[in-house]
Amino acid sequence: MIAVRLAALAAMTVLAGPTQTPAPDGGLVLRAVRSYRAEQGRTEVNAFVQVPYAVLEPSGEGNTGTLSYRVGVKVTDSTGLTLLQQSWQNHAPASVRGPSAFGVEMVRFSLAPGRYTLEVDVEDSVSGHKQGSTLAVEGYPTAPPASDLLLSPRIRPVTAGDTVPMPAELRWGRMLVTAAAQLELTPLRATAYYLLEAYSGQEARGTLTMKVVDSGGKALTTTAPTPVTVPAGGGVLKGQLDLSGLPPGQYTMAASLNLGGKTVERSAAFAMAGLDETLEKDVARREASKGTDEGYFEAMDEKAIEVAKEPLALIAESGELSKYSKDLSLRAKRRFMVEFWQKRNLKPGTAENETRARFYAAVDYANRMYGEKGRAAVPGWKTDRGRIYVRNGAPDDMLQRPQAGRSPPYEVWRFRTGKDRYYIFIDRANGLGNFQLVYSNDIKEPGQPNWQELLYKQEAVDDIGRFLGIDLPTTTGAPDRF
């Protein structure tokens, strides 16, 4: 049994609809999505290119390298004149490479009335292998009654804290749309989202009916006509169909819009995968994405994201965290974290961001080793020793002294990699492990005036000097000289 849930809504937003070229197994899928701009008398086209990762060669051995490819796009008119030509490079971690994995590339352009040809070529940067696809696109001669039907795996509204598209998303008006050159549903993700733009010179009322047809032309389900209102100038009708229970296969979704006594139909193809195939692919997808920034933060709930964000203050640039707010949606917070770490990824395109992995491993170690107990418990990364550890890693040399008489425990950390730096910590709580940084040659770290007095013994100051191999500044008021 197929469960169908329909929602339709009119809004003052302009969107597009698709035409699509069939592709051989494992080949490119090219889809052109058109909408009409009445104020300009032009057709806006959004083209989606589905690039199969299985045909790309990784730069390294196995799944340790990177998939790299160049996308070229050209638009010509009926006389062969080139109107648009552009290209760009893209990458993906080799760990995601598989028979069902792909990337979606997007390009947007507008056309005057007429007939055009859209050509797309994808070249593998490693092997030099090329794939291409061509699509005929028509610019509307006059305002059509409706755009093409756009199908998407997800459409969500723009909110105050969630305004920027994620990777593979487009923002259209007040909506964020996940791009898809070919909608592929699964038993685990069986909801098809749709958008249909309607055009009317004046406010018009009517109905929208959605229908799912199998490859043999048989209608499997038809929704009841849903009342819709289109404002003067045009609007968009959006909704979703829950197609749980639909058998595996190729299908067509058709929209029938009756507006002002006239009916227009638009359709788009989609596929439903089988359960066994879906489960196998889902496990592989989750495993492949686990180490990526997206996969790492996608697994976190609201509380975990907040915990992960806090220590970024140790490495963030001035003002970089100002865009983050607790009022942001969970999705927006995840996106912020992904973008923060992608800027610091020293090996873009690899399966795991080693910079992020090292940072959070250091935070975890600092929390376990340097956290302060008691009434005002302090996470390890917020303590002086923890902060230095997270920023610099483990010291190359370390001096540790227990309490001796009135002289408190102290530690000296020295880093020899790059510029020679040292940090002197004193346990001001006399044995409770709450070490404070009192002196350093790192100009970014504040010190304590007359820090030697905190040691109570000149021999402790001399001990630190001998360890560092330097003459430390002294104070005339050292306690053991009174």
Protein backbone atom coordinates (compact mmCIF):
# COMPACT_ATOMS: atom_id res chain seq x y z
CA MET A 1 0.00 0.00 0.00
CA ILE A 2 1.29 3.45 -0.88
CA ALA A 3 0.89 6.15 1.74
CA VAL A 4 0.36 9.59 0.21
CA ARG A 5 0.58 12.89 2.05
CA LEU A 6 -0.03 16.08 0.05
CA ALA A 7 0.54 19.68 1.02
CA ALA A 8 0.10 22.63 -1.36
CA LEU A 9 0.77 26.29 -0.73
CA ALA A 10 0.97 29.49 -2.78
CA ALA A 11 3.86 31.93 -2.28
CA MET A 12 5.43 34.86 -4.11
CA THR A 13 8.57 33.04 -5.18
CA VAL A 14 9.93 32.14 -8.62
CA LEU A 15 11.17 28.60 -9.22
CA ALA A 16 11.94 26.27 -12.06
CA GLY A 17 11.07 22.94 -13.61
CA PRO A 18 12.99 20.14 -15.34
CA THR A 19 13.71 18.48 -18.63
CA GLN A 20 16.12 15.58 -18.56
CA THR A 21 18.35 13.52 -20.85
CA PRO A 22 18.41 9.74 -20.40
CA ALA A 23 21.85 8.46 -19.45
CA PRO A 24 23.50 5.07 -19.85
CA ASP A 25 24.21 3.15 -16.67
CA GLY A 26 27.03 4.90 -14.85
CA GLY A 27 26.88 7.94 -17.12
CA LEU A 28 26.13 11.61 -16.61
CA VAL A 29 22.58 12.74 -15.96
CA LEU A 30 21.79 16.24 -17.20
CA ARG A 31 18.65 18.11 -16.23
CA ALA A 32 17.60 21.65 -17.18
CA VAL A 33 15.16 23.44 -14.91
CA ARG A 34 13.32 26.45 -16.37
CA SER A 35 11.23 29.30 -14.99
CA TYR A 36 9.83 32.47 -16.51
CA ARG A 37 10.71 36.06 -15.59
CA ALA A 38 7.80 38.19 -16.81
CA GLU A 39 9.48 41.50 -15.98
CA GLN A 40 12.37 40.63 -18.31
CA GLY A 41 10.53 38.42 -20.78
CA ARG A 42 13.25 35.80 -20.32
CA THR A 43 13.53 32.17 -19.28
CA GLU A 44 15.73 31.36 -16.31
CA VAL A 45 17.46 27.99 -16.51
CA ASN A 46 18.99 26.02 -13.65
CA ALA A 47 21.01 23.07 -14.95
CA PHE A 48 21.93 20.09 -12.75
CA VAL A 49 24.66 17.62 -13.67
CA GLN A 50 24.91 14.30 -11.85
CA VAL A 51 28.55 13.15 -11.91
CA PRO A 52 29.03 9.42 -11.12
CA TYR A 53 32.04 8.92 -8.85
CA ALA A 54 32.53 5.32 -9.98
CA VAL A 55 34.03 6.46 -13.31
CA LEU A 56 36.63 8.69 -11.61
CA GLU A 57 40.13 7.56 -10.68
CA PRO A 58 41.43 8.47 -7.19
CA SER A 59 44.70 10.39 -6.93
CA GLY A 60 46.07 7.93 -4.34
CA GLU A 61 45.84 4.21 -3.69
CA GLY A 62 42.57 2.68 -2.56
CA ASN A 63 40.30 5.07 -0.68
CA THR A 64 43.05 7.30 0.65
CA GLY A 65 43.22 9.74 -2.24
CA THR A 66 41.01 12.35 -3.84
CA LEU A 67 38.60 12.34 -6.74
CA SER A 68 39.13 15.43 -8.89
CA TYR A 69 37.28 16.48 -12.02
CA ARG A 70 36.64 19.51 -14.19
CA VAL A 71 33.16 20.49 -15.35
CA GLY A 72 32.71 22.44 -18.60
CA VAL A 73 29.42 24.06 -19.63
CA LYS A 74 28.55 25.68 -22.97
CA VAL A 75 25.28 27.17 -24.22
CA THR A 76 24.82 27.91 -27.95
CA ASP A 77 21.88 29.34 -29.87
CA SER A 78 20.28 27.93 -33.03
CA THR A 79 22.97 29.54 -35.23
CA GLY A 80 25.82 27.95 -33.24
CA LEU A 81 26.79 31.19 -31.50
CA THR A 82 28.23 30.56 -28.02
CA LEU A 83 26.28 32.51 -25.38
CA LEU A 84 27.84 31.02 -22.27
CA GLN A 85 31.01 29.07 -21.62
CA GLN A 86 32.49 28.36 -18.22
CA SER A 87 34.32 25.63 -16.30
CA TRP A 88 35.32 24.79 -12.75
CA GLN A 89 37.17 22.15 -10.75
CA ASN A 90 35.67 20.04 -7.98
CA HIS A 91 36.86 17.35 -5.58
CA ALA A 92 35.54 14.56 -3.40
CA PRO A 93 37.22 12.08 -1.00
CA ALA A 94 38.02 8.78 -2.69
CA SER A 95 36.36 6.94 0.22
CA VAL A 96 32.91 7.82 -1.16
CA ARG A 97 33.62 6.27 -4.56
CA GLY A 98 31.14 3.54 -5.38
CA PRO A 99 28.59 2.39 -7.99
CA SER A 100 25.81 4.54 -6.50
CA ALA A 101 27.78 7.59 -5.33
CA PHE A 102 27.65 10.83 -7.28
CA GLY A 103 28.05 14.59 -7.02
CA VAL A 104 25.63 17.23 -8.29
CA GLU A 105 26.98 20.29 -10.11
CA MET A 106 24.82 23.35 -10.82
CA VAL A 107 24.85 26.31 -13.20
CA ARG A 108 22.28 29.08 -13.74
CA PHE A 109 21.68 31.26 -16.81
CA SER A 110 18.83 33.08 -18.60
CA LEU A 111 17.62 32.92 -22.19
CA ALA A 112 15.65 35.07 -24.61
CA PRO A 113 12.84 33.34 -26.58
CA GLY A 114 14.31 30.72 -28.94
CA ARG A 115 15.97 27.32 -29.15
CA TYR A 116 19.32 26.53 -27.58
CA THR A 117 21.72 23.69 -26.92
CA LEU A 118 23.26 22.99 -23.51
CA GLU A 119 26.49 20.98 -23.58
CA VAL A 120 28.20 19.60 -20.47
CA ASP A 121 31.56 17.80 -20.29
CA VAL A 122 33.19 16.25 -17.23
CA GLU A 123 36.90 15.36 -17.35
CA ASP A 124 38.61 13.16 -14.76
CA SER A 125 41.74 15.00 -13.63
CA VAL A 126 43.67 11.77 -13.01
CA SER A 127 42.85 9.58 -16.02
CA GLY A 128 41.82 12.31 -18.45
CA HIS A 129 38.67 10.33 -19.26
CA LYS A 130 35.79 12.53 -20.47
CA GLN A 131 32.04 12.18 -20.35
CA GLY A 132 29.58 14.50 -22.03
CA SER A 133 25.87 15.13 -22.42
CA THR A 134 23.78 17.49 -24.55
CA LEU A 135 20.31 18.87 -23.98
CA ALA A 136 17.99 20.99 -26.12
CA VAL A 137 16.49 23.90 -24.16
CA GLU A 138 13.77 26.27 -25.31
CA GLY A 139 13.32 29.82 -24.07
CA TYR A 140 9.61 30.49 -23.60
CA PRO A 141 8.25 32.75 -26.40
CA THR A 142 5.55 34.09 -24.06
CA ALA A 143 4.59 33.60 -20.44
CA PRO A 144 3.62 29.92 -19.97
CA PRO A 145 0.76 28.92 -17.64
CA ALA A 146 3.22 27.06 -15.41
CA SER A 147 6.87 26.13 -15.05
CA ASP A 148 8.14 22.60 -15.40
CA LEU A 149 7.71 20.35 -12.39
CA LEU A 150 10.69 20.31 -10.04
CA LEU A 151 11.28 17.21 -7.90
CA SER A 152 13.70 17.26 -4.98
CA PRO A 153 14.70 14.97 -2.10
CA ARG A 154 14.11 17.89 0.28
CA ILE A 155 12.72 21.42 0.38
CA ARG A 156 12.70 23.44 3.56
CA PRO A 157 11.78 27.01 4.45
CA VAL A 158 14.30 29.74 5.13
CA THR A 159 14.25 30.81 8.78
CA ALA A 160 15.88 33.67 10.65
CA GLY A 161 18.75 31.46 11.78
CA ASP A 162 19.00 29.33 8.65
CA THR A 163 19.39 31.38 5.47
CA VAL A 164 22.51 30.05 3.74
CA PRO A 165 22.31 27.00 1.43
CA MET A 166 24.21 23.88 2.40
CA PRO A 167 26.44 22.20 -0.21
CA ALA A 168 24.21 20.92 -3.08
CA GLU A 169 21.40 23.25 -2.02
CA LEU A 170 19.96 26.27 -3.81
CA ARG A 171 18.10 29.17 -2.30
CA TRP A 172 14.96 30.22 -4.16
CA GLY A 173 13.01 32.95 -2.46
CA ARG A 174 12.07 31.78 1.00
CA MET A 175 13.01 28.15 0.38
CA LEU A 176 16.17 26.03 0.37
CA VAL A 177 16.05 23.27 -2.25
CA THR A 178 18.29 20.21 -2.38
CA ALA A 179 19.50 19.88 -5.97
CA ALA A 180 18.91 16.66 -7.87
CA ALA A 181 19.52 15.87 -11.51
CA GLN A 182 17.54 12.68 -11.01
CA LEU A 183 15.37 12.13 -7.94
CA GLU A 184 16.03 8.73 -6.40
CA LEU A 185 13.83 7.69 -3.49
CA THR A 186 14.46 4.77 -1.15
CA PRO A 187 12.30 2.92 1.39
CA LEU A 188 14.25 4.82 4.07
CA ARG A 189 13.76 8.20 2.38
CA ALA A 190 10.50 7.88 0.53
CA THR A 191 9.28 11.49 0.48
CA ALA A 192 9.29 13.34 -2.84
CA TYR A 193 9.16 17.13 -2.64
CA TYR A 194 7.85 19.15 -5.58
CA LEU A 195 7.62 22.74 -6.77
CA LEU A 196 5.48 24.09 -9.55
CA GLU A 197 5.39 27.75 -10.48
CA ALA A 198 2.10 29.12 -11.79
CA TYR A 199 1.72 32.35 -13.78
CA SER A 200 -1.34 34.57 -13.80
CA GLY A 201 -1.93 38.21 -14.65
CA GLN A 202 -4.40 38.50 -11.80
CA GLU A 203 -5.21 36.54 -8.68
CA ALA A 204 -6.59 33.15 -9.65
CA ARG A 205 -8.02 30.19 -7.77
CA GLY A 206 -8.03 26.57 -8.77
CA THR A 207 -6.92 23.08 -7.81
CA LEU A 208 -3.74 21.00 -7.98
CA THR A 209 -3.78 17.22 -8.41
CA MET A 210 -0.70 15.00 -8.18
CA LYS A 211 -0.42 11.56 -9.76
CA VAL A 212 2.20 8.79 -9.76
CA VAL A 213 2.44 6.69 -12.93
CA ASP A 214 4.54 3.54 -13.42
CA SER A 215 6.72 2.77 -16.46
CA GLY A 216 3.77 1.08 -18.18
CA GLY A 217 1.58 4.17 -17.93
CA LYS A 218 -0.60 2.87 -15.09
CA ALA A 219 -1.63 5.42 -12.48
CA LEU A 220 -0.78 3.98 -9.07
CA THR A 221 -2.12 6.82 -6.98
CA THR A 222 -3.89 10.12 -7.52
CA THR A 223 -4.39 12.73 -4.84
CA ALA A 224 -7.64 14.57 -4.30
CA PRO A 225 -7.71 18.03 -5.95
CA THR A 226 -6.18 20.50 -3.50
CA PRO A 227 -7.45 24.12 -3.55
CA VAL A 228 -4.74 26.64 -4.45
CA THR A 229 -4.58 30.41 -4.87
CA VAL A 230 -2.07 32.10 -7.16
CA PRO A 231 -1.42 35.83 -6.55
CA ALA A 232 -1.42 38.35 -9.38
CA GLY A 233 1.90 38.06 -11.19
CA GLY A 234 2.38 34.41 -10.27
CA GLY A 235 3.38 32.21 -7.38
CA VAL A 236 4.75 28.82 -6.52
CA LEU A 237 2.90 25.71 -5.41
CA LYS A 238 4.96 23.38 -3.27
CA GLY A 239 4.26 20.18 -1.43
CA GLN A 240 5.42 16.66 -0.72
CA LEU A 241 4.28 13.09 -1.33
CA ASP A 242 5.11 10.28 1.07
CA LEU A 243 5.55 7.29 -1.27
CA SER A 244 6.31 4.64 1.34
CA GLY A 245 5.40 1.22 -0.03
CA LEU A 246 6.07 2.08 -3.66
CA PRO A 247 7.77 -0.94 -5.29
CA PRO A 248 11.26 -0.53 -6.80
CA GLY A 249 11.22 0.88 -10.33
CA GLN A 250 11.05 3.90 -12.61
CA TYR A 251 8.11 6.29 -12.28
CA THR A 252 6.68 9.59 -13.41
CA MET A 253 5.10 12.18 -11.16
CA ALA A 254 2.51 14.33 -12.92
CA ALA A 255 0.98 17.58 -11.72
CA SER A 256 -2.37 18.72 -13.08
CA LEU A 257 -3.08 22.39 -12.38
CA ASN A 258 -6.56 23.76 -13.06
CA LEU A 259 -6.44 27.52 -12.81
CA GLY A 260 -9.12 29.92 -13.97
CA GLY A 261 -10.94 27.14 -15.82
CA LYS A 262 -7.82 26.06 -17.77
CA THR A 263 -5.80 22.93 -17.08
CA VAL A 264 -2.05 22.51 -17.57
CA GLU A 265 -0.02 19.37 -16.89
CA ARG A 266 3.66 19.03 -16.00
CA SER A 267 5.62 15.86 -15.20
CA ALA A 268 9.04 14.63 -14.10
CA ALA A 269 10.65 11.21 -13.77
CA PHE A 270 11.95 9.64 -10.56
CA ALA A 271 13.08 6.24 -9.29
CA MET A 272 12.44 4.11 -6.21
CA ALA A 273 15.21 1.77 -5.01
CA GLY A 274 14.72 -1.64 -3.36
CA LEU A 275 15.11 -2.18 0.38
CA ASP A 276 18.09 -4.56 0.25
CA GLU A 277 19.98 -2.30 -2.13
CA THR A 278 19.09 0.72 0.01
CA LEU A 279 20.31 -0.80 3.26
CA GLU A 280 23.59 -1.87 1.68
CA LYS A 281 24.17 1.58 0.18
CA ASP A 282 23.12 3.34 3.36
CA VAL A 283 25.64 1.45 5.46
CA ALA A 284 28.37 2.19 2.93
CA ARG A 285 27.38 5.86 2.76
CA ARG A 286 27.40 6.31 6.51
CA GLU A 287 30.74 4.56 6.83
CA ALA A 288 32.28 6.67 4.06
CA SER A 289 30.99 9.96 5.45
CA LYS A 290 31.81 9.22 9.09
CA GLY A 291 35.18 10.92 8.96
CA THR A 292 34.13 13.93 6.89
CA ASP A 293 33.27 17.25 8.51
CA GLU A 294 29.66 16.84 7.38
CA GLY A 295 29.36 13.34 8.80
CA TYR A 296 31.15 14.27 12.04
CA PHE A 297 28.78 17.12 12.92
CA GLU A 298 25.66 15.50 11.42
CA ALA A 299 25.87 12.87 14.16
CA MET A 300 25.72 15.57 16.88
CA ASP A 301 22.60 16.84 18.60
CA GLU A 302 22.10 20.43 19.83
CA LYS A 303 24.00 19.92 23.09
CA ALA A 304 26.93 18.17 21.45
CA ILE A 305 27.28 20.93 18.86
CA GLU A 306 27.45 23.56 21.61
CA VAL A 307 30.15 21.57 23.40
CA ALA A 308 32.11 21.21 20.16
CA LYS A 309 31.84 24.92 19.39
CA GLU A 310 33.10 26.27 22.73
CA PRO A 311 36.83 25.40 22.38
CA LEU A 312 36.97 27.01 18.93
CA ALA A 313 37.63 30.23 20.84
CA LEU A 314 41.20 28.94 21.29
CA ILE A 315 41.98 29.01 17.55
CA ALA A 316 39.36 31.23 15.90
CA GLU A 317 40.37 34.44 14.18
CA SER A 318 39.12 37.78 15.48
CA GLY A 319 35.37 38.08 14.89
CA GLU A 320 35.13 34.65 13.26
CA LEU A 321 32.72 33.29 15.87
CA SER A 322 30.41 36.31 15.76
CA LYS A 323 28.20 34.63 13.15
CA TYR A 324 27.46 31.77 15.55
CA SER A 325 24.50 32.17 17.88
CA LYS A 326 22.58 29.83 20.16
CA ASP A 327 19.46 31.03 18.34
CA LEU A 328 20.58 29.41 15.09
CA SER A 329 18.83 26.24 13.99
CA LEU A 330 20.63 22.94 14.51
CA ARG A 331 21.19 22.67 10.76
CA ALA A 332 22.71 26.17 10.63
CA LYS A 333 24.99 25.36 13.57
CA ARG A 334 26.19 22.22 11.84
CA ARG A 335 26.85 24.19 8.67
CA PHE A 336 28.84 26.80 10.61
CA MET A 337 31.02 24.08 12.12
CA VAL A 338 31.59 22.41 8.75
CA GLU A 339 32.61 25.69 7.12
CA PHE A 340 34.87 26.61 10.07
CA TRP A 341 36.83 23.38 9.72
CA GLN A 342 36.84 23.18 5.93
CA LYS A 343 38.78 26.47 5.91
CA ARG A 344 41.42 24.76 8.06
CA ASN A 345 41.58 21.50 6.15
CA LEU A 346 45.17 21.16 4.92
CA LYS A 347 44.19 18.32 2.57
CA PRO A 348 40.87 19.29 0.93
CA GLY A 349 39.00 16.41 -0.64
CA THR A 350 40.40 13.72 1.66
CA ALA A 351 38.07 11.45 3.61
CA GLU A 352 38.89 12.99 6.96
CA ASN A 353 39.87 16.50 8.02
CA GLU A 354 43.04 15.72 9.98
CA THR A 355 43.21 19.23 11.42
CA ARG A 356 39.77 18.88 13.00
CA ALA A 357 40.49 15.35 14.19
CA ARG A 358 43.72 16.43 15.91
CA PHE A 359 42.04 19.43 17.52
CA TYR A 360 39.20 17.49 19.12
CA ALA A 361 41.56 14.69 20.14
CA ALA A 362 43.64 17.36 21.94
CA VAL A 363 40.51 18.80 23.58
CA ASP A 364 39.50 15.34 24.76
CA TYR A 365 42.98 14.69 26.18
CA ALA A 366 43.04 18.09 27.91
CA ASN A 367 39.64 17.42 29.47
CA ARG A 368 40.83 14.08 30.84
CA MET A 369 44.23 15.23 32.08
CA TYR A 370 43.89 18.87 33.07
CA GLY A 371 40.30 19.39 34.22
CA GLU A 372 39.88 21.11 37.59
CA LYS A 373 37.63 19.48 40.17
CA GLY A 374 35.72 20.94 43.04
CA ARG A 375 32.74 23.24 43.31
CA ALA A 376 33.69 25.31 40.28
CA ALA A 377 34.71 22.46 38.01
CA VAL A 378 36.54 23.66 34.89
CA PRO A 379 36.86 21.60 31.68
CA GLY A 380 40.45 20.76 30.91
CA TRP A 381 40.63 22.81 27.71
CA LYS A 382 39.71 25.95 29.66
CA THR A 383 42.60 25.57 32.12
CA ASP A 384 45.99 27.11 31.41
CA ARG A 385 47.72 23.80 30.80
CA GLY A 386 44.80 22.51 28.70
CA ARG A 387 44.70 25.68 26.60
CA ILE A 388 48.42 25.46 25.83
CA TYR A 389 48.12 21.75 25.05
CA VAL A 390 45.22 22.23 22.61
CA ARG A 391 47.02 25.04 20.80
CA ASN A 392 50.48 23.49 20.67
CA GLY A 393 50.17 19.78 21.36
CA ALA A 394 52.38 17.87 23.76
CA PRO A 395 55.56 19.69 24.86
CA ASP A 396 58.90 18.44 23.61
CA ASP A 397 60.35 18.66 27.12
CA MET A 398 58.65 18.84 30.50
CA LEU A 399 59.87 19.52 34.04
CA GLN A 400 57.57 18.46 36.88
CA ARG A 401 58.28 19.13 40.57
CA PRO A 402 56.11 18.13 43.53
CA GLN A 403 55.50 20.32 46.56
CA ALA A 404 58.60 20.84 48.69
CA GLY A 405 57.99 22.63 51.97
CA ARG A 406 56.36 25.96 51.26
CA SER A 407 57.30 25.75 47.57
CA PRO A 408 54.18 24.62 45.58
CA PRO A 409 54.16 22.06 42.77
CA TYR A 410 55.25 23.50 39.44
CA GLU A 411 55.65 22.41 35.82
CA VAL A 412 57.65 23.79 32.92
CA TRP A 413 56.72 22.97 29.32
CA ARG A 414 59.10 23.58 26.44
CA PHE A 415 58.36 23.46 22.71
CA ARG A 416 61.34 23.34 20.36
CA THR A 417 59.47 23.00 17.05
CA GLY A 418 59.48 26.32 15.23
CA LYS A 419 60.14 29.21 17.59
CA ASP A 420 61.46 28.05 20.99
CA ARG A 421 58.68 28.62 23.54
CA TYR A 422 58.37 27.75 27.21
CA TYR A 423 55.56 27.99 29.77
CA ILE A 424 55.86 27.93 33.58
CA PHE A 425 52.87 26.71 35.61
CA ILE A 426 52.42 26.81 39.41
CA ASP A 427 49.78 24.92 41.40
CA ARG A 428 48.44 27.86 43.39
CA ALA A 429 46.13 25.50 45.29
CA ASN A 430 49.11 23.55 46.72
CA GLY A 431 48.54 20.08 45.38
CA LEU A 432 44.97 20.19 44.05
CA GLY A 433 46.15 20.24 40.44
CA ASN A 434 44.87 23.72 39.58
CA PHE A 435 47.96 24.93 37.75
CA GLN A 436 48.16 28.53 36.55
CA LEU A 437 50.44 29.91 33.87
CA VAL A 438 52.68 32.44 35.61
CA TYR A 439 55.43 33.12 33.07
CA SER A 440 56.23 32.46 29.39
CA ASN A 441 58.28 33.85 26.53
CA ASP A 442 55.15 33.57 24.37
CA ILE A 443 54.05 37.20 23.98
CA LYS A 444 50.45 36.07 23.45
CA GLU A 445 50.28 34.68 26.98
CA PRO A 446 49.98 37.00 29.98
CA GLY A 447 52.22 36.33 32.96
CA GLN A 448 52.15 37.09 36.68
CA PRO A 449 54.25 39.96 37.98
CA ASN A 450 56.91 38.84 40.48
CA TRP A 451 56.00 35.21 39.72
CA GLN A 452 59.19 34.02 41.41
CA GLU A 453 57.74 35.01 44.77
CA LEU A 454 55.00 32.43 44.28
CA LEU A 455 57.66 29.68 44.40
CA TYR A 456 58.87 30.82 47.85
CA LYS A 457 62.38 29.49 47.16
CA GLN A 458 65.13 30.85 44.95
CA GLU A 459 66.36 27.32 44.36
CA ALA A 460 63.07 26.57 42.57
CA VAL A 461 63.66 29.53 40.26
CA ASP A 462 67.22 28.34 39.67
CA ASP A 463 65.92 24.82 38.97
CA ILE A 464 63.67 26.15 36.22
CA GLY A 465 66.52 28.24 34.78
CA ARG A 466 68.81 25.22 34.59
CA PHE A 467 66.09 23.17 32.85
CA LEU A 468 65.56 25.88 30.25
CA GLY A 469 69.26 26.71 29.96
CA ILE A 470 68.62 30.42 30.46
CA ASP A 471 69.01 33.09 33.13
CA LEU A 472 65.53 33.89 34.36
CA PRO A 473 64.70 37.39 35.61
CA THR A 474 64.90 37.64 39.38
CA THR A 475 63.15 39.78 41.95
CA THR A 476 64.85 41.39 44.92
CA GLY A 477 61.94 40.37 47.11
CA ALA A 478 62.14 36.60 46.73
CA PRO A 479 60.59 35.06 49.88
CA ASP A 480 63.63 33.03 50.94
CA ARG A 481 65.76 36.22 50.94
CA PHE A 482 63.67 37.98 53.60
